[in-house]
Amino acid sequence: MPRPDQGDERPTPAPASTKKGLRQDFDARARAARNDFEAQLRQRRADFGARNEALTARTGRNLPAAIAIALAFAVVVISSLVLWKPSFMLVAAFLLGVGVYELASAMRFAGRDVPRVPTVVVSVAVVVAAYLGGQVGALLTLLGGIVFISLWRLVEVAFARTKPPAVSVVRDLTNGLFVQAYVTLLGVCVVLLTAQDRGQLWVIAFLFVVVAVDTGAYATGLNFGKHPMAPRISPKKTWEGFVGSVGASIVVGIVVCMLLLGLPWWSGVVLGVLISGSATLGDLTESMIKRDLGIKDISSFLPGHGGMLDRIDSVLPSAAVAYVMYLVVNH
């Protein structure tokens, strides 16, 4: 037993009112910290949104959306090429089918009646013919498809209650021809290249270079761009951005040629220069088409980011360049 002079050493319990006060003080501090965190989060979101809007206004594209879409396409395309080449035909048919549908729809919006159903059917058929029958199969299918689309439009005119003027019909036919020549003919070069021995590696290589062109032009144009390249066609494209795209494409071209294709370094310089020119030409061509049609984007297939054709405009002519270079190197 404790001695009387030691007293009781057990702590005296705090009054209930004190415990309640401490709990209220803790809750108040927790709420204040949470409110402060939420306020900081809202401010950061607002700052990010403001910076993104400024970049979009300056460059004409939503950068986060562009990166996300590019990564998604890269995963799908590269996976199909590496795992099983024939599966890439599904990817190519989808991309070209959507692309010709978008362009035909945009032309119809501008008053040029290009039949959409046969346009898509022909584009997909050319993809299959190119992979199975090579250049001859692709060319014959494309020519037959153009005749099919033209006859489709003429039948529509023949059964129309109100006959359009002959000038309008001729314009519709030539526009239908242009859709196939611009999207299908250039795009099918990717299929022809893929079907070749080690062709899938060439496809991956030139796509890397196209991405380098786009990235180099974006980075240098954003930071140093002052002199417009074609102000009437694409006001945001500058000569400084073009120089940056050439430099980036040469660097990536050398890397992919040496490591992926087993070619000497100077082949990468040639590939980089050619692809930088073709990719820029493709971008300007689509800008000219949209200006002629009086639209900002080919479609709204990718919400807030334009259409599929807006994303593959640089790839189309670059595919033809890469295919020709493959033939020169290997034959």
Protein backbone atom coordinates (compact mmCIF):
# COMPACT_ATOMS: atom_id res chain seq x y z
CA MET A 1 0.00 0.00 0.00
CA PRO A 2 1.25 3.51 -0.74
CA ARG A 3 2.42 5.58 2.09
CA PRO A 4 0.09 8.34 3.16
CA ASP A 5 2.60 11.04 2.20
CA GLN A 6 2.88 9.75 -1.39
CA GLY A 7 -0.71 10.49 -2.36
CA ASP A 8 -2.51 9.08 -5.38
CA GLU A 9 -0.24 9.12 -8.49
CA ARG A 10 -2.98 8.17 -10.98
CA PRO A 11 -3.80 11.02 -13.48
CA THR A 12 -6.92 12.92 -12.83
CA PRO A 13 -9.37 12.37 -15.71
CA ALA A 14 -10.12 15.50 -17.76
CA PRO A 15 -13.59 16.89 -17.46
CA ALA A 16 -16.05 15.95 -20.20
CA SER A 17 -16.30 19.57 -21.28
CA THR A 18 -12.51 19.70 -21.89
CA LYS A 19 -12.59 16.53 -24.03
CA LYS A 20 -15.44 17.96 -26.07
CA GLY A 21 -13.52 21.18 -26.60
CA LEU A 22 -10.40 19.34 -27.75
CA ARG A 23 -12.45 17.26 -30.18
CA GLN A 24 -14.13 20.34 -31.62
CA ASP A 25 -10.77 22.07 -32.00
CA PHE A 26 -9.35 19.01 -33.85
CA ASP A 27 -12.39 18.83 -36.14
CA ALA A 28 -12.11 22.54 -36.89
CA ARG A 29 -8.45 22.22 -37.81
CA ALA A 30 -9.17 19.17 -40.00
CA ARG A 31 -11.94 21.05 -41.83
CA ALA A 32 -9.67 24.06 -42.31
CA ALA A 33 -6.87 21.86 -43.70
CA ARG A 34 -9.30 20.10 -46.04
CA ASN A 35 -10.78 23.39 -47.26
CA ASP A 36 -7.29 24.76 -47.84
CA PHE A 37 -6.31 21.64 -49.81
CA GLU A 38 -9.47 21.82 -51.92
CA ALA A 39 -8.87 25.51 -52.59
CA GLN A 40 -5.31 24.81 -53.72
CA LEU A 41 -6.54 21.97 -55.93
CA ARG A 42 -9.16 24.21 -57.55
CA GLN A 43 -6.55 26.90 -58.14
CA ARG A 44 -4.14 24.44 -59.75
CA ARG A 45 -6.90 23.14 -62.00
CA ALA A 46 -7.78 26.69 -62.97
CA ASP A 47 -4.12 27.52 -63.69
CA PHE A 48 -3.72 24.34 -65.76
CA GLY A 49 -6.90 25.10 -67.69
CA ALA A 50 -5.75 28.65 -68.38
CA ARG A 51 -2.35 27.48 -69.61
CA ASN A 52 -3.96 24.79 -71.75
CA GLU A 53 -6.38 27.31 -73.28
CA ALA A 54 -3.47 29.65 -74.02
CA LEU A 55 -1.54 26.82 -75.71
CA THR A 56 -4.63 25.78 -77.67
CA ALA A 57 -5.24 29.34 -78.84
CA ARG A 58 -1.60 29.72 -79.88
CA THR A 59 -1.06 26.36 -81.55
CA GLY A 60 -4.57 25.39 -82.60
CA ARG A 61 -4.60 22.06 -80.74
CA ASN A 62 -5.41 20.64 -77.33
CA LEU A 63 -2.03 19.33 -76.19
CA PRO A 64 -3.19 16.86 -73.48
CA ALA A 65 -5.79 15.44 -75.84
CA ALA A 66 -3.23 15.22 -78.64
CA ILE A 67 -0.79 13.33 -76.43
CA ALA A 68 -3.45 10.92 -75.18
CA ILE A 69 -4.74 10.19 -78.67
CA ALA A 70 -1.22 9.76 -80.05
CA LEU A 71 -0.32 7.30 -77.30
CA ALA A 72 -3.51 5.31 -77.83
CA PHE A 73 -2.89 5.06 -81.57
CA ALA A 74 0.75 4.14 -81.02
CA VAL A 75 -0.19 1.26 -78.74
CA VAL A 76 -2.80 -0.11 -81.15
CA VAL A 77 -0.72 0.27 -84.31
CA ILE A 78 2.57 -1.02 -82.92
CA SER A 79 0.88 -3.94 -81.17
CA SER A 80 -0.85 -5.05 -84.36
CA LEU A 81 2.37 -4.77 -86.37
CA VAL A 82 4.55 -6.60 -83.86
CA LEU A 83 2.18 -9.35 -82.72
CA TRP A 84 0.56 -10.37 -86.03
CA LYS A 85 0.90 -8.41 -89.27
CA PRO A 86 -2.49 -9.36 -90.76
CA SER A 87 -4.22 -7.77 -87.76
CA PHE A 88 -2.87 -4.43 -88.91
CA MET A 89 -5.20 -4.68 -91.89
CA LEU A 90 -8.12 -4.18 -89.52
CA VAL A 91 -6.46 -1.07 -88.11
CA ALA A 92 -5.68 0.28 -91.59
CA ALA A 93 -9.19 -0.45 -92.87
CA PHE A 94 -10.70 1.32 -89.87
CA LEU A 95 -8.47 4.40 -90.20
CA LEU A 96 -8.94 4.78 -93.94
CA GLY A 97 -12.65 3.94 -93.79
CA VAL A 98 -13.26 6.63 -91.18
CA GLY A 99 -11.00 9.05 -93.04
CA VAL A 100 -12.83 8.79 -96.37
CA TYR A 101 -16.19 8.92 -94.60
CA GLU A 102 -15.20 12.12 -92.82
CA LEU A 103 -13.94 13.79 -95.99
CA ALA A 104 -16.98 12.73 -98.01
CA SER A 105 -19.27 14.01 -95.24
CA ALA A 106 -17.42 17.33 -95.09
CA MET A 107 -17.78 17.69 -98.85
CA ARG A 108 -21.51 16.95 -98.67
CA PHE A 109 -21.78 19.61 -95.95
CA ALA A 110 -20.22 22.04 -98.43
CA GLY A 111 -22.75 21.07 -101.11
CA ARG A 112 -20.68 18.47 -102.96
CA ASP A 113 -22.59 15.22 -103.05
CA VAL A 114 -19.99 12.49 -102.70
CA PRO A 115 -21.65 9.12 -101.96
CA ARG A 116 -20.45 7.99 -98.56
CA VAL A 117 -21.41 4.31 -98.49
CA PRO A 118 -19.61 3.26 -101.69
CA THR A 119 -16.69 5.52 -100.76
CA VAL A 120 -16.11 3.60 -97.53
CA VAL A 121 -16.69 0.22 -99.19
CA VAL A 122 -14.10 0.94 -101.89
CA SER A 123 -11.52 2.16 -99.37
CA VAL A 124 -11.81 -0.99 -97.25
CA ALA A 125 -11.76 -3.20 -100.35
CA VAL A 126 -8.53 -1.57 -101.55
CA VAL A 127 -6.89 -2.33 -98.20
CA VAL A 128 -7.71 -6.02 -98.54
CA ALA A 129 -6.67 -6.11 -102.20
CA ALA A 130 -3.36 -4.39 -101.43
CA TYR A 131 -2.39 -6.86 -98.72
CA LEU A 132 -3.41 -9.94 -100.69
CA GLY A 133 -2.70 -8.83 -104.26
CA GLY A 134 0.04 -6.23 -103.95
CA GLN A 135 0.31 -3.17 -106.17
CA VAL A 136 -1.62 -4.63 -109.09
CA GLY A 137 -4.52 -5.78 -106.93
CA ALA A 138 -4.69 -2.44 -105.15
CA LEU A 139 -4.59 -0.42 -108.37
CA LEU A 140 -7.23 -2.48 -110.16
CA THR A 141 -9.53 -2.40 -107.13
CA LEU A 142 -9.08 1.36 -106.77
CA LEU A 143 -9.83 2.04 -110.44
CA GLY A 144 -12.87 -0.22 -110.34
CA GLY A 145 -13.97 1.44 -107.13
CA ILE A 146 -13.79 4.92 -108.66
CA VAL A 147 -16.01 3.72 -111.52
CA PHE A 148 -18.40 2.20 -108.97
CA ILE A 149 -18.62 5.44 -106.97
CA SER A 150 -19.18 7.48 -110.15
CA LEU A 151 -21.97 5.17 -111.34
CA TRP A 152 -23.56 5.32 -107.89
CA ARG A 153 -23.70 9.11 -108.10
CA LEU A 154 -25.06 9.05 -111.65
CA VAL A 155 -27.84 6.66 -110.59
CA GLU A 156 -28.71 9.00 -107.71
CA VAL A 157 -28.97 11.88 -110.18
CA ALA A 158 -31.06 9.82 -112.60
CA PHE A 159 -33.66 9.00 -109.93
CA ALA A 160 -33.62 12.41 -108.25
CA ARG A 161 -36.84 14.43 -108.42
CA THR A 162 -34.90 17.63 -108.94
CA LYS A 163 -32.07 17.24 -111.39
CA PRO A 164 -28.87 19.08 -110.37
CA PRO A 165 -26.98 21.08 -113.01
CA ALA A 166 -24.45 19.19 -115.10
CA VAL A 167 -21.65 21.33 -113.64
CA SER A 168 -22.58 20.20 -110.13
CA VAL A 169 -22.65 16.55 -111.17
CA VAL A 170 -19.19 16.80 -112.72
CA ARG A 171 -17.95 18.48 -109.55
CA ASP A 172 -19.41 15.66 -107.44
CA LEU A 173 -17.67 13.05 -109.59
CA THR A 174 -14.29 14.79 -109.43
CA ASN A 175 -14.60 15.23 -105.68
CA GLY A 176 -15.35 11.53 -105.29
CA LEU A 177 -12.22 10.80 -107.31
CA PHE A 178 -10.20 13.17 -105.14
CA VAL A 179 -11.29 11.45 -101.91
CA GLN A 180 -10.00 8.11 -103.18
CA ALA A 181 -6.79 9.57 -104.58
CA TYR A 182 -5.98 11.58 -101.46
CA VAL A 183 -6.94 9.21 -98.66
CA THR A 184 -7.17 5.69 -100.08
CA LEU A 185 -4.31 5.77 -102.59
CA LEU A 186 -1.83 7.37 -100.20
CA GLY A 187 -3.04 5.42 -97.18
CA VAL A 188 -2.84 2.06 -98.90
CA CYS A 189 0.92 2.57 -99.25
CA VAL A 190 1.11 1.68 -95.55
CA VAL A 191 -0.57 -1.63 -96.33
CA LEU A 192 1.72 -2.34 -99.28
CA LEU A 193 4.74 -1.55 -97.11
CA THR A 194 3.52 -3.75 -94.28
CA ALA A 195 3.07 -6.70 -96.62
CA GLN A 196 6.76 -6.61 -97.60
CA ASP A 197 9.50 -8.60 -95.90
CA ARG A 198 10.27 -6.74 -92.63
CA GLY A 199 7.85 -4.12 -93.86
CA GLN A 200 6.29 -3.75 -90.44
CA LEU A 201 9.62 -2.44 -89.14
CA TRP A 202 9.64 0.19 -91.87
CA VAL A 203 6.12 1.25 -90.93
CA ILE A 204 7.11 1.63 -87.28
CA ALA A 205 10.25 3.53 -88.30
CA PHE A 206 8.56 6.08 -90.52
CA LEU A 207 5.74 6.61 -88.00
CA PHE A 208 8.38 7.46 -85.38
CA VAL A 209 9.84 10.00 -87.79
CA VAL A 210 6.39 11.50 -88.46
CA VAL A 211 5.87 11.89 -84.71
CA ALA A 212 9.28 13.57 -84.48
CA VAL A 213 8.27 16.00 -87.24
CA ASP A 214 5.08 16.91 -85.44
CA THR A 215 6.80 17.21 -82.05
CA GLY A 216 9.75 19.22 -83.36
CA ALA A 217 7.50 21.62 -85.24
CA TYR A 218 5.26 22.05 -82.21
CA ALA A 219 8.09 22.69 -79.73
CA THR A 220 10.15 25.07 -81.84
CA GLY A 221 7.15 26.81 -83.34
CA LEU A 222 5.67 27.41 -79.90
CA ASN A 223 8.85 28.88 -78.46
CA PHE A 224 10.52 30.55 -81.44
CA GLY A 225 7.92 30.77 -84.20
CA LYS A 226 7.68 34.27 -85.69
CA HIS A 227 7.61 33.89 -89.47
CA PRO A 228 4.47 32.20 -90.91
CA MET A 229 5.12 29.59 -93.55
CA ALA A 230 1.76 29.76 -95.32
CA PRO A 231 -0.39 32.40 -93.58
CA ARG A 232 -3.34 32.00 -95.94
CA ILE A 233 -3.47 28.23 -95.54
CA SER A 234 -2.23 27.56 -91.99
CA PRO A 235 -1.46 30.76 -90.04
CA LYS A 236 -0.01 28.90 -87.05
CA LYS A 237 2.67 27.04 -89.02
CA THR A 238 6.01 28.85 -89.02
CA TRP A 239 9.38 28.50 -90.70
CA GLU A 240 11.02 28.17 -87.30
CA GLY A 241 8.76 25.24 -86.55
CA PHE A 242 9.63 23.67 -89.90
CA VAL A 243 13.36 23.95 -89.16
CA GLY A 244 12.76 22.29 -85.79
CA SER A 245 10.79 19.51 -87.45
CA VAL A 246 13.60 18.83 -89.92
CA GLY A 247 16.18 18.64 -87.12
CA ALA A 248 14.04 16.33 -84.98
CA SER A 249 13.18 14.08 -87.93
CA ILE A 250 16.85 13.69 -88.91
CA VAL A 251 17.85 12.70 -85.39
CA VAL A 252 15.04 10.15 -85.08
CA GLY A 253 15.60 9.00 -88.66
CA ILE A 254 19.24 8.17 -87.92
CA VAL A 255 18.26 6.28 -84.76
CA VAL A 256 15.54 4.15 -86.38
CA CYS A 257 17.58 3.42 -89.50
CA MET A 258 20.59 2.20 -87.53
CA LEU A 259 18.81 0.38 -84.72
CA LEU A 260 15.59 -0.79 -86.33
CA LEU A 261 16.27 -1.13 -90.05
CA GLY A 262 19.98 -1.95 -90.07
CA LEU A 263 20.80 0.85 -92.52
CA PRO A 264 23.76 3.28 -92.47
CA TRP A 265 23.35 6.57 -90.61
CA TRP A 266 23.12 8.66 -93.76
CA SER A 267 19.96 6.76 -94.72
CA GLY A 268 18.38 8.25 -91.61
CA VAL A 269 19.27 11.74 -92.83
CA VAL A 270 17.57 11.03 -96.16
CA LEU A 271 14.54 9.49 -94.47
CA GLY A 272 14.28 12.38 -92.01
CA VAL A 273 14.49 15.09 -94.68
CA LEU A 274 11.99 13.36 -96.98
CA ILE A 275 9.48 12.62 -94.22
CA SER A 276 9.71 16.14 -92.78
CA GLY A 277 8.82 17.50 -96.21
CA SER A 278 6.00 15.03 -96.87
CA ALA A 279 4.49 15.37 -93.39
CA THR A 280 4.48 19.16 -93.63
CA LEU A 281 2.97 18.95 -97.11
CA GLY A 282 0.25 16.64 -95.84
CA ASP A 283 -0.60 18.99 -93.00
CA LEU A 284 -0.78 21.99 -95.34
CA THR A 285 -2.85 20.03 -97.87
CA GLU A 286 -5.49 19.17 -95.32
CA SER A 287 -5.53 22.77 -94.09
CA MET A 288 -6.11 23.90 -97.66
CA ILE A 289 -8.97 21.40 -98.05
CA LYS A 290 -10.64 22.63 -94.88
CA ARG A 291 -10.23 26.24 -95.94
CA ASP A 292 -11.76 25.42 -99.33
CA LEU A 293 -14.70 23.70 -97.65
CA GLY A 294 -15.10 26.49 -95.09
CA ILE A 295 -14.70 24.29 -92.00
CA LYS A 296 -12.33 24.20 -89.02
CA ASP A 297 -12.13 20.43 -88.54
CA ILE A 298 -12.91 17.62 -90.95
CA SER A 299 -15.26 16.11 -88.36
CA SER A 300 -15.91 15.78 -84.63
CA PHE A 301 -15.08 12.06 -84.48
CA LEU A 302 -12.57 12.81 -81.72
CA PRO A 303 -14.46 15.21 -79.42
CA GLY A 304 -12.63 18.49 -78.92
CA HIS A 305 -9.84 17.33 -81.19
CA GLY A 306 -11.20 17.20 -84.71
CA GLY A 307 -11.52 14.14 -86.88
CA MET A 308 -9.52 11.05 -87.70
CA LEU A 309 -8.27 12.62 -90.92
CA ASP A 310 -6.94 15.56 -88.91
CA ARG A 311 -4.70 13.09 -87.08
CA ILE A 312 -3.40 11.11 -90.06
CA ASP A 313 -2.95 13.96 -92.56
CA SER A 314 0.83 13.89 -92.07
CA VAL A 315 0.97 10.09 -92.31
CA LEU A 316 -0.71 9.77 -95.71
CA PRO A 317 1.96 11.31 -97.99
CA SER A 318 4.72 10.07 -95.68
CA ALA A 319 3.52 6.51 -96.23
CA ALA A 320 4.07 6.89 -99.97
CA VAL A 321 7.56 8.30 -99.36
CA ALA A 322 8.49 5.45 -97.01
CA TYR A 323 7.17 2.81 -99.44
CA VAL A 324 9.15 4.23 -102.36
CA MET A 325 12.29 4.42 -100.23
CA TYR A 326 11.80 0.79 -99.20
CA LEU A 327 11.59 -0.25 -102.86
CA VAL A 328 14.72 1.73 -103.72
CA VAL A 329 16.70 0.25 -100.82
CA ASN A 330 15.58 -3.36 -101.28
CA HIS A 331 15.27 -3.61 -105.06
